[in-house]
Amino acid sequence: MPSGSFTITLVKSGHRLTVSTHETILQVLRNTGIDVPSSCEQGICGACETTVLAGEPDHQDLLMTPQEHAENKTMMICCSGALSDNLVLDL
């Protein structure tokens, strides 16, 4: 589970949402009515992989390699959070 609250900016829909300490990005999106693919919700299947346009994800998945984590190009929104105050996602 991600630690600390942060905001997400969704470039395609124009939404700017707050993800609280006890929520995942996926939960916030669903609660807002935004449907995104997901399956395992544990960061092991890759169904929720989302492109990161700006910000620094706090990668908590078990699927991506350390190099992929360091590149910060994508993230698993079911379990990962943010190390920056805002993430800009291609949603």
C-alpha atoms as a PDB file:
ATOM      1  CA  MET A   1       0.000   0.000   0.000  1.00  0.00           C
ATOM      2  CA  PRO A   2       1.362   3.436  -0.896  1.00  0.00           C
ATOM      3  CA  SER A   3       2.315   5.777   1.936  1.00  0.00           C
ATOM      4  CA  GLY A   4       1.276   9.433   2.207  1.00  0.00           C
ATOM      5  CA  SER A   5      -1.330  11.273   0.184  1.00  0.00           C
ATOM      6  CA  PHE A   6      -0.650  12.685  -3.279  1.00  0.00           C
ATOM      7  CA  THR A   7      -2.525  13.889  -6.327  1.00  0.00           C
ATOM      8  CA  ILE A   8      -2.885  12.331  -9.739  1.00  0.00           C
ATOM      9  CA  THR A   9      -3.488  14.317 -12.887  1.00  0.00           C
ATOM     10  CA  LEU A  10      -5.144  12.403 -15.708  1.00  0.00           C
ATOM     11  CA  VAL A  11      -4.252  14.027 -19.015  1.00  0.00           C
ATOM     12  CA  LYS A  12      -6.882  12.361 -21.205  1.00  0.00           C
ATOM     13  CA  SER A  13      -9.856  13.005 -18.915  1.00  0.00           C
ATOM     14  CA  GLY A  14      -8.597  16.245 -17.335  1.00  0.00           C
ATOM     15  CA  HIS A  15      -9.263  14.991 -13.794  1.00  0.00           C
ATOM     16  CA  ARG A  16      -7.067  15.933 -10.852  1.00  0.00           C
ATOM     17  CA  LEU A  17      -7.693  13.589  -7.930  1.00  0.00           C
ATOM     18  CA  THR A  18      -6.302  13.072  -4.445  1.00  0.00           C
ATOM     19  CA  VAL A  19      -5.137   9.634  -3.370  1.00  0.00           C
ATOM     20  CA  SER A  20      -5.207   9.412   0.425  1.00  0.00           C
ATOM     21  CA  THR A  21      -2.888   7.407   2.624  1.00  0.00           C
ATOM     22  CA  HIS A  22      -5.155   4.360   2.767  1.00  0.00           C
ATOM     23  CA  GLU A  23      -6.211   4.254  -0.897  1.00  0.00           C
ATOM     24  CA  THR A  24      -4.697   3.023  -4.118  1.00  0.00           C
ATOM     25  CA  ILE A  25      -4.798   4.894  -7.399  1.00  0.00           C
ATOM     26  CA  LEU A  26      -7.015   2.132  -8.762  1.00  0.00           C
ATOM     27  CA  GLN A  27      -9.532   2.569  -5.920  1.00  0.00           C
ATOM     28  CA  VAL A  28      -9.684   6.338  -6.423  1.00  0.00           C
ATOM     29  CA  LEU A  29     -10.242   5.914 -10.159  1.00  0.00           C
ATOM     30  CA  ARG A  30     -13.032   3.382  -9.611  1.00  0.00           C
ATOM     31  CA  ASN A  31     -14.683   5.588  -6.968  1.00  0.00           C
ATOM     32  CA  THR A  32     -14.656   8.431  -9.510  1.00  0.00           C
ATOM     33  CA  GLY A  33     -16.294   6.218 -12.132  1.00  0.00           C
ATOM     34  CA  ILE A  34     -13.201   5.803 -14.282  1.00  0.00           C
ATOM     35  CA  ASP A  35     -12.934   2.264 -15.578  1.00  0.00           C
ATOM     36  CA  VAL A  36      -9.393   0.964 -16.003  1.00  0.00           C
ATOM     37  CA  PRO A  37      -8.202  -2.590 -16.638  1.00  0.00           C
ATOM     38  CA  SER A  38      -7.143  -4.603 -13.601  1.00  0.00           C
ATOM     39  CA  SER A  39      -7.045  -8.199 -12.463  1.00  0.00           C
ATOM     40  CA  CYS A  40      -4.916  -9.340  -9.522  1.00  0.00           C
ATOM     41  CA  GLU A  41      -4.755  -5.986  -7.645  1.00  0.00           C
ATOM     42  CA  GLN A  42      -1.461  -7.168  -6.124  1.00  0.00           C
ATOM     43  CA  GLY A  43       1.044  -5.928  -8.699  1.00  0.00           C
ATOM     44  CA  ILE A  44       1.850  -9.294 -10.227  1.00  0.00           C
ATOM     45  CA  CYS A  45      -0.220  -9.552 -13.424  1.00  0.00           C
ATOM     46  CA  GLY A  46       0.425  -6.254 -15.265  1.00  0.00           C
ATOM     47  CA  ALA A  47      -3.203  -5.647 -16.289  1.00  0.00           C
ATOM     48  CA  CYS A  48      -3.264  -2.167 -14.711  1.00  0.00           C
ATOM     49  CA  GLU A  49       0.078  -0.983 -16.087  1.00  0.00           C
ATOM     50  CA  THR A  50      -0.257   2.732 -16.822  1.00  0.00           C
ATOM     51  CA  THR A  51       2.041   5.203 -18.557  1.00  0.00           C
ATOM     52  CA  VAL A  52       3.575   7.839 -16.270  1.00  0.00           C
ATOM     53  CA  LEU A  53       4.088  11.209 -17.973  1.00  0.00           C
ATOM     54  CA  ALA A  54       5.517  13.095 -14.974  1.00  0.00           C
ATOM     55  CA  GLY A  55       6.250  12.574 -11.300  1.00  0.00           C
ATOM     56  CA  GLU A  56       7.991   9.781  -9.446  1.00  0.00           C
ATOM     57  CA  PRO A  57       6.089   6.556  -8.733  1.00  0.00           C
ATOM     58  CA  ASP A  58       6.622   4.545  -5.563  1.00  0.00           C
ATOM     59  CA  HIS A  59       6.789   1.157  -7.257  1.00  0.00           C
ATOM     60  CA  GLN A  60       5.335  -1.635  -5.122  1.00  0.00           C
ATOM     61  CA  ASP A  61       4.716  -4.219  -7.844  1.00  0.00           C
ATOM     62  CA  LEU A  62       6.534  -7.522  -8.186  1.00  0.00           C
ATOM     63  CA  LEU A  63       6.387  -7.646 -11.980  1.00  0.00           C
ATOM     64  CA  MET A  64       8.649  -4.908 -13.300  1.00  0.00           C
ATOM     65  CA  THR A  65      12.430  -5.136 -13.199  1.00  0.00           C
ATOM     66  CA  PRO A  66      14.566  -2.740 -11.137  1.00  0.00           C
ATOM     67  CA  GLN A  67      15.609  -1.078 -14.404  1.00  0.00           C
ATOM     68  CA  GLU A  68      11.961  -0.561 -15.408  1.00  0.00           C
ATOM     69  CA  HIS A  69      11.266   0.917 -11.974  1.00  0.00           C
ATOM     70  CA  ALA A  70      14.195   3.322 -12.370  1.00  0.00           C
ATOM     71  CA  GLU A  71      12.952   4.470 -15.792  1.00  0.00           C
ATOM     72  CA  ASN A  72       9.573   5.528 -14.300  1.00  0.00           C
ATOM     73  CA  LYS A  73       7.844   5.207 -17.671  1.00  0.00           C
ATOM     74  CA  THR A  74       4.998   3.013 -16.399  1.00  0.00           C
ATOM     75  CA  MET A  75       3.560   1.817 -13.091  1.00  0.00           C
ATOM     76  CA  MET A  76       1.053  -0.650 -11.690  1.00  0.00           C
ATOM     77  CA  ILE A  77      -1.718   1.555 -10.330  1.00  0.00           C
ATOM     78  CA  CYS A  78      -3.269  -1.220  -8.247  1.00  0.00           C
ATOM     79  CA  CYS A  79      -0.525  -1.189  -5.627  1.00  0.00           C
ATOM     80  CA  SER A  80       1.994   1.567  -6.308  1.00  0.00           C
ATOM     81  CA  GLY A  81       1.894   5.117  -4.999  1.00  0.00           C
ATOM     82  CA  ALA A  82       3.957   8.252  -5.445  1.00  0.00           C
ATOM     83  CA  LEU A  83       7.202   9.609  -4.092  1.00  0.00           C
ATOM     84  CA  SER A  84       6.376  12.999  -5.607  1.00  0.00           C
ATOM     85  CA  ASP A  85       3.407  15.191  -4.664  1.00  0.00           C
ATOM     86  CA  ASN A  86       1.783  14.651  -8.053  1.00  0.00           C
ATOM     87  CA  LEU A  87       1.777  11.969 -10.724  1.00  0.00           C
ATOM     88  CA  VAL A  88       0.670  12.754 -14.257  1.00  0.00           C
ATOM     89  CA  LEU A  89      -0.813   9.653 -15.844  1.00  0.00           C
ATOM     90  CA  ASP A  90      -1.824   8.893 -19.425  1.00  0.00           C
ATOM     91  CA  LEU A  91      -5.463   8.281 -18.502  1.00  0.00           C
END
